[in-house]
Amino acid sequence: MLSNDRARLRAMAAVEGISYILLVGIAVPIKYFLKDPTLVKWIGQIHGIFFVVFLVLSVNYARTHQWKFTTLIWFLFVSSFIPFGTFYMDRKLLK
């Protein structure tokens, strides 16, 4: 079961990271340079859903593996706010 938790979290981290890159790297520039906010609306909503699922899976994984609270907060901060953070944390903590 634990390996399934890890696999789910790693997969969601990748999906969340890719959606963040699409949002910041494609949708936001299109919004400001081409004055079309459509992609930000759609990708932003999808990314928001992925982000919430990622948070829930992260907290569940941290509880199951008895992470310290500071480890969880650091994991979530790096994964959530730094571009490519999910990929870094995947290599650092989840492999």
N, C-alpha and C. Protein backbone atom coordinates (compact mmCIF):
# COMPACT_ATOMS: atom_id res chain seq x y z
N MET A 1 0.81 -1.20 0.00
CA MET A 1 0.00 0.00 0.00
C MET A 1 0.85 1.26 0.00
N LEU A 2 1.95 1.23 0.73
CA LEU A 2 2.78 2.42 0.79
C LEU A 2 3.36 2.78 -0.56
N SER A 3 3.75 1.78 -1.34
CA SER A 3 4.28 2.08 -2.66
C SER A 3 3.20 2.68 -3.55
N ASN A 4 1.94 2.29 -3.35
CA ASN A 4 0.85 2.89 -4.11
C ASN A 4 0.66 4.35 -3.73
N ASP A 5 0.80 4.67 -2.44
CA ASP A 5 0.72 6.06 -1.99
C ASP A 5 1.81 6.89 -2.64
N ARG A 6 3.01 6.33 -2.65
CA ARG A 6 4.15 7.04 -3.26
C ARG A 6 3.93 7.23 -4.75
N ALA A 7 3.47 6.20 -5.43
CA ALA A 7 3.25 6.29 -6.87
C ALA A 7 2.18 7.32 -7.19
N ARG A 8 1.11 7.33 -6.40
CA ARG A 8 0.05 8.32 -6.62
C ARG A 8 0.56 9.74 -6.40
N LEU A 9 1.32 9.93 -5.31
CA LEU A 9 1.85 11.26 -5.02
C LEU A 9 2.84 11.70 -6.09
N ARG A 10 3.69 10.81 -6.52
CA ARG A 10 4.66 11.16 -7.58
C ARG A 10 3.95 11.51 -8.89
N ALA A 11 2.93 10.74 -9.22
CA ALA A 11 2.19 11.02 -10.46
C ALA A 11 1.47 12.37 -10.36
N MET A 12 0.84 12.62 -9.22
CA MET A 12 0.13 13.90 -9.06
C MET A 12 1.11 15.07 -9.01
N ALA A 13 2.28 14.85 -8.43
CA ALA A 13 3.29 15.91 -8.41
C ALA A 13 3.71 16.27 -9.83
N ALA A 14 3.86 15.26 -10.67
CA ALA A 14 4.23 15.51 -12.07
C ALA A 14 3.12 16.24 -12.81
N VAL A 15 1.90 15.80 -12.62
CA VAL A 15 0.75 16.44 -13.30
C VAL A 15 0.60 17.89 -12.82
N GLU A 16 0.71 18.10 -11.51
CA GLU A 16 0.58 19.45 -10.95
C GLU A 16 1.72 20.34 -11.46
N GLY A 17 2.92 19.80 -11.51
CA GLY A 17 4.06 20.56 -12.00
C GLY A 17 3.91 20.95 -13.46
N ILE A 18 3.44 20.02 -14.27
CA ILE A 18 3.24 20.31 -15.69
C ILE A 18 2.13 21.35 -15.87
N SER A 19 1.06 21.23 -15.11
CA SER A 19 -0.03 22.21 -15.24
C SER A 19 0.43 23.60 -14.81
N TYR A 20 1.31 23.67 -13.81
CA TYR A 20 1.85 24.96 -13.37
C TYR A 20 2.73 25.57 -14.46
N ILE A 21 3.56 24.74 -15.09
CA ILE A 21 4.41 25.22 -16.18
C ILE A 21 3.57 25.71 -17.35
N LEU A 22 2.51 24.97 -17.69
CA LEU A 22 1.61 25.41 -18.77
C LEU A 22 0.94 26.74 -18.42
N LEU A 23 0.52 26.86 -17.18
CA LEU A 23 -0.14 28.09 -16.75
C LEU A 23 0.81 29.29 -16.83
N VAL A 24 1.97 29.15 -16.21
CA VAL A 24 2.91 30.28 -16.14
C VAL A 24 3.68 30.48 -17.45
N GLY A 25 3.99 29.39 -18.13
CA GLY A 25 4.83 29.49 -19.31
C GLY A 25 4.09 29.75 -20.61
N ILE A 26 2.81 29.38 -20.67
CA ILE A 26 2.07 29.55 -21.91
C ILE A 26 0.85 30.47 -21.72
N ALA A 27 0.00 30.12 -20.76
CA ALA A 27 -1.27 30.84 -20.61
C ALA A 27 -1.08 32.29 -20.19
N VAL A 28 -0.22 32.54 -19.22
CA VAL A 28 -0.02 33.91 -18.73
C VAL A 28 0.61 34.79 -19.81
N PRO A 29 1.65 34.34 -20.52
CA PRO A 29 2.17 35.19 -21.60
C PRO A 29 1.12 35.48 -22.69
N ILE A 30 0.31 34.49 -23.02
CA ILE A 30 -0.74 34.73 -24.01
C ILE A 30 -1.73 35.77 -23.49
N LYS A 31 -2.04 35.68 -22.22
CA LYS A 31 -2.97 36.65 -21.63
C LYS A 31 -2.43 38.07 -21.76
N TYR A 32 -1.16 38.27 -21.44
CA TYR A 32 -0.62 39.63 -21.43
C TYR A 32 -0.12 40.11 -22.78
N PHE A 33 0.42 39.23 -23.61
CA PHE A 33 0.94 39.68 -24.90
C PHE A 33 -0.12 39.69 -25.99
N LEU A 34 -1.04 38.75 -25.94
CA LEU A 34 -2.09 38.68 -26.96
C LEU A 34 -3.44 39.16 -26.44
N LYS A 35 -3.49 39.54 -25.18
CA LYS A 35 -4.70 40.07 -24.54
C LYS A 35 -5.87 39.08 -24.60
N ASP A 36 -5.54 37.81 -24.42
CA ASP A 36 -6.58 36.76 -24.43
C ASP A 36 -6.48 35.94 -23.15
N PRO A 37 -7.39 36.16 -22.19
CA PRO A 37 -7.32 35.47 -20.91
C PRO A 37 -7.96 34.07 -20.90
N THR A 38 -8.39 33.58 -22.03
CA THR A 38 -9.12 32.31 -22.09
C THR A 38 -8.30 31.14 -21.52
N LEU A 39 -7.04 31.02 -21.95
CA LEU A 39 -6.23 29.91 -21.46
C LEU A 39 -5.96 29.99 -19.96
N VAL A 40 -5.78 31.20 -19.45
CA VAL A 40 -5.55 31.36 -18.01
C VAL A 40 -6.76 30.85 -17.25
N LYS A 41 -7.94 31.17 -17.76
CA LYS A 41 -9.17 30.73 -17.10
C LYS A 41 -9.23 29.20 -17.06
N TRP A 42 -9.03 28.55 -18.19
CA TRP A 42 -9.18 27.10 -18.26
C TRP A 42 -8.03 26.36 -17.58
N ILE A 43 -6.82 26.72 -17.93
CA ILE A 43 -5.67 26.03 -17.33
C ILE A 43 -5.59 26.35 -15.84
N GLY A 44 -5.94 27.57 -15.47
CA GLY A 44 -5.92 27.95 -14.06
C GLY A 44 -6.88 27.11 -13.23
N GLN A 45 -8.07 26.89 -13.74
CA GLN A 45 -9.04 26.06 -13.01
C GLN A 45 -8.57 24.61 -12.90
N ILE A 46 -8.06 24.08 -13.98
CA ILE A 46 -7.56 22.71 -13.98
C ILE A 46 -6.38 22.58 -13.02
N HIS A 47 -5.46 23.54 -13.09
CA HIS A 47 -4.32 23.54 -12.19
C HIS A 47 -4.77 23.63 -10.73
N GLY A 48 -5.77 24.42 -10.45
CA GLY A 48 -6.29 24.54 -9.09
C GLY A 48 -6.81 23.22 -8.56
N ILE A 49 -7.50 22.48 -9.39
CA ILE A 49 -8.00 21.16 -8.98
C ILE A 49 -6.83 20.21 -8.72
N PHE A 50 -5.86 20.19 -9.64
CA PHE A 50 -4.69 19.34 -9.45
C PHE A 50 -3.93 19.72 -8.18
N PHE A 51 -3.85 21.02 -7.90
CA PHE A 51 -3.13 21.50 -6.73
C PHE A 51 -3.79 21.01 -5.44
N VAL A 52 -5.11 21.09 -5.38
CA VAL A 52 -5.83 20.63 -4.18
C VAL A 52 -5.64 19.12 -3.99
N VAL A 53 -5.73 18.36 -5.06
CA VAL A 53 -5.53 16.91 -4.96
C VAL A 53 -4.09 16.62 -4.51
N PHE A 54 -3.14 17.37 -5.06
CA PHE A 54 -1.74 17.21 -4.66
C PHE A 54 -1.56 17.50 -3.16
N LEU A 55 -2.19 18.54 -2.67
CA LEU A 55 -2.11 18.87 -1.24
C LEU A 55 -2.66 17.74 -0.37
N VAL A 56 -3.82 17.23 -0.75
CA VAL A 56 -4.45 16.15 0.02
C VAL A 56 -3.56 14.90 0.01
N LEU A 57 -3.05 14.53 -1.14
CA LEU A 57 -2.17 13.37 -1.23
C LEU A 57 -0.87 13.58 -0.44
N SER A 58 -0.36 14.80 -0.45
CA SER A 58 0.86 15.10 0.29
C SER A 58 0.66 14.96 1.79
N VAL A 59 -0.43 15.51 2.29
CA VAL A 59 -0.72 15.41 3.72
C VAL A 59 -0.94 13.96 4.11
N ASN A 60 -1.66 13.21 3.29
CA ASN A 60 -1.88 11.80 3.57
C ASN A 60 -0.56 11.03 3.58
N TYR A 61 0.28 11.29 2.61
CA TYR A 61 1.58 10.61 2.53
C TYR A 61 2.44 10.96 3.75
N ALA A 62 2.44 12.23 4.13
CA ALA A 62 3.24 12.67 5.27
C ALA A 62 2.76 12.01 6.56
N ARG A 63 1.46 11.89 6.73
CA ARG A 63 0.92 11.21 7.92
C ARG A 63 1.29 9.74 7.92
N THR A 64 1.13 9.08 6.79
CA THR A 64 1.41 7.65 6.68
C THR A 64 2.89 7.36 6.96
N HIS A 65 3.76 8.24 6.49
CA HIS A 65 5.19 8.02 6.62
C HIS A 65 5.79 8.77 7.81
N GLN A 66 4.95 9.33 8.63
CA GLN A 66 5.34 10.01 9.86
C GLN A 66 6.40 11.08 9.64
N TRP A 67 6.16 11.93 8.63
CA TRP A 67 7.03 13.07 8.41
C TRP A 67 6.85 14.06 9.54
N LYS A 68 7.90 14.78 9.84
CA LYS A 68 7.78 15.91 10.76
C LYS A 68 6.95 16.98 10.07
N PHE A 69 6.28 17.79 10.88
CA PHE A 69 5.45 18.86 10.32
C PHE A 69 6.30 19.82 9.48
N THR A 70 7.51 20.11 9.93
CA THR A 70 8.38 21.03 9.17
C THR A 70 8.77 20.42 7.82
N THR A 71 8.95 19.11 7.76
CA THR A 71 9.27 18.45 6.49
C THR A 71 8.10 18.60 5.52
N LEU A 72 6.89 18.39 6.01
CA LEU A 72 5.70 18.55 5.17
C LEU A 72 5.58 19.98 4.67
N ILE A 73 5.75 20.95 5.55
CA ILE A 73 5.62 22.36 5.14
C ILE A 73 6.68 22.70 4.10
N TRP A 74 7.92 22.26 4.32
CA TRP A 74 8.99 22.51 3.36
C TRP A 74 8.66 21.86 2.01
N PHE A 75 8.22 20.62 2.05
CA PHE A 75 7.84 19.90 0.83
C PHE A 75 6.76 20.66 0.06
N LEU A 76 5.71 21.08 0.77
CA LEU A 76 4.61 21.79 0.12
C LEU A 76 5.05 23.15 -0.39
N PHE A 77 5.87 23.86 0.37
CA PHE A 77 6.32 25.18 -0.07
C PHE A 77 7.15 25.08 -1.35
N VAL A 78 8.15 24.21 -1.33
CA VAL A 78 9.01 24.07 -2.51
C VAL A 78 8.21 23.54 -3.70
N SER A 79 7.37 22.56 -3.46
CA SER A 79 6.60 21.96 -4.54
C SER A 79 5.57 22.91 -5.14
N SER A 80 5.00 23.76 -4.32
CA SER A 80 3.86 24.54 -4.75
C SER A 80 4.21 25.91 -5.32
N PHE A 81 5.27 26.52 -4.84
CA PHE A 81 5.50 27.91 -5.21
C PHE A 81 6.72 28.14 -6.08
N ILE A 82 7.59 27.18 -6.18
CA ILE A 82 8.78 27.33 -6.99
C ILE A 82 8.58 26.56 -8.29
N PRO A 83 8.72 27.24 -9.44
CA PRO A 83 8.59 26.51 -10.70
C PRO A 83 9.57 25.33 -10.74
N PHE A 84 9.11 24.23 -11.22
CA PHE A 84 9.85 22.97 -11.26
C PHE A 84 10.07 22.38 -9.86
N GLY A 85 9.46 22.95 -8.84
CA GLY A 85 9.62 22.48 -7.47
C GLY A 85 9.11 21.07 -7.26
N THR A 86 8.02 20.72 -7.93
CA THR A 86 7.50 19.35 -7.76
C THR A 86 8.49 18.32 -8.27
N PHE A 87 9.19 18.66 -9.35
CA PHE A 87 10.16 17.73 -9.91
C PHE A 87 11.39 17.61 -9.01
N TYR A 88 11.79 18.72 -8.42
CA TYR A 88 12.92 18.69 -7.48
C TYR A 88 12.58 17.86 -6.25
N MET A 89 11.40 18.10 -5.66
CA MET A 89 11.02 17.38 -4.46
C MET A 89 10.79 15.89 -4.75
N ASP A 90 10.34 15.58 -5.95
CA ASP A 90 10.19 14.18 -6.33
C ASP A 90 11.55 13.48 -6.26
N ARG A 91 12.57 14.11 -6.77
CA ARG A 91 13.91 13.51 -6.74
C ARG A 91 14.49 13.51 -5.34
N LYS A 92 14.19 14.55 -4.58
CA LYS A 92 14.81 14.71 -3.26
C LYS A 92 14.15 13.80 -2.20
N LEU A 93 12.82 13.74 -2.15
CA LEU A 93 12.15 13.05 -1.06
C LEU A 93 11.42 11.78 -1.45
N LEU A 94 10.97 11.68 -2.67
CA LEU A 94 10.04 10.59 -3.01
C LEU A 94 10.70 9.39 -3.68
N LYS A 95 11.90 9.53 -4.22
CA LYS A 95 12.53 8.38 -4.88
C LYS A 95 13.15 7.46 -3.89
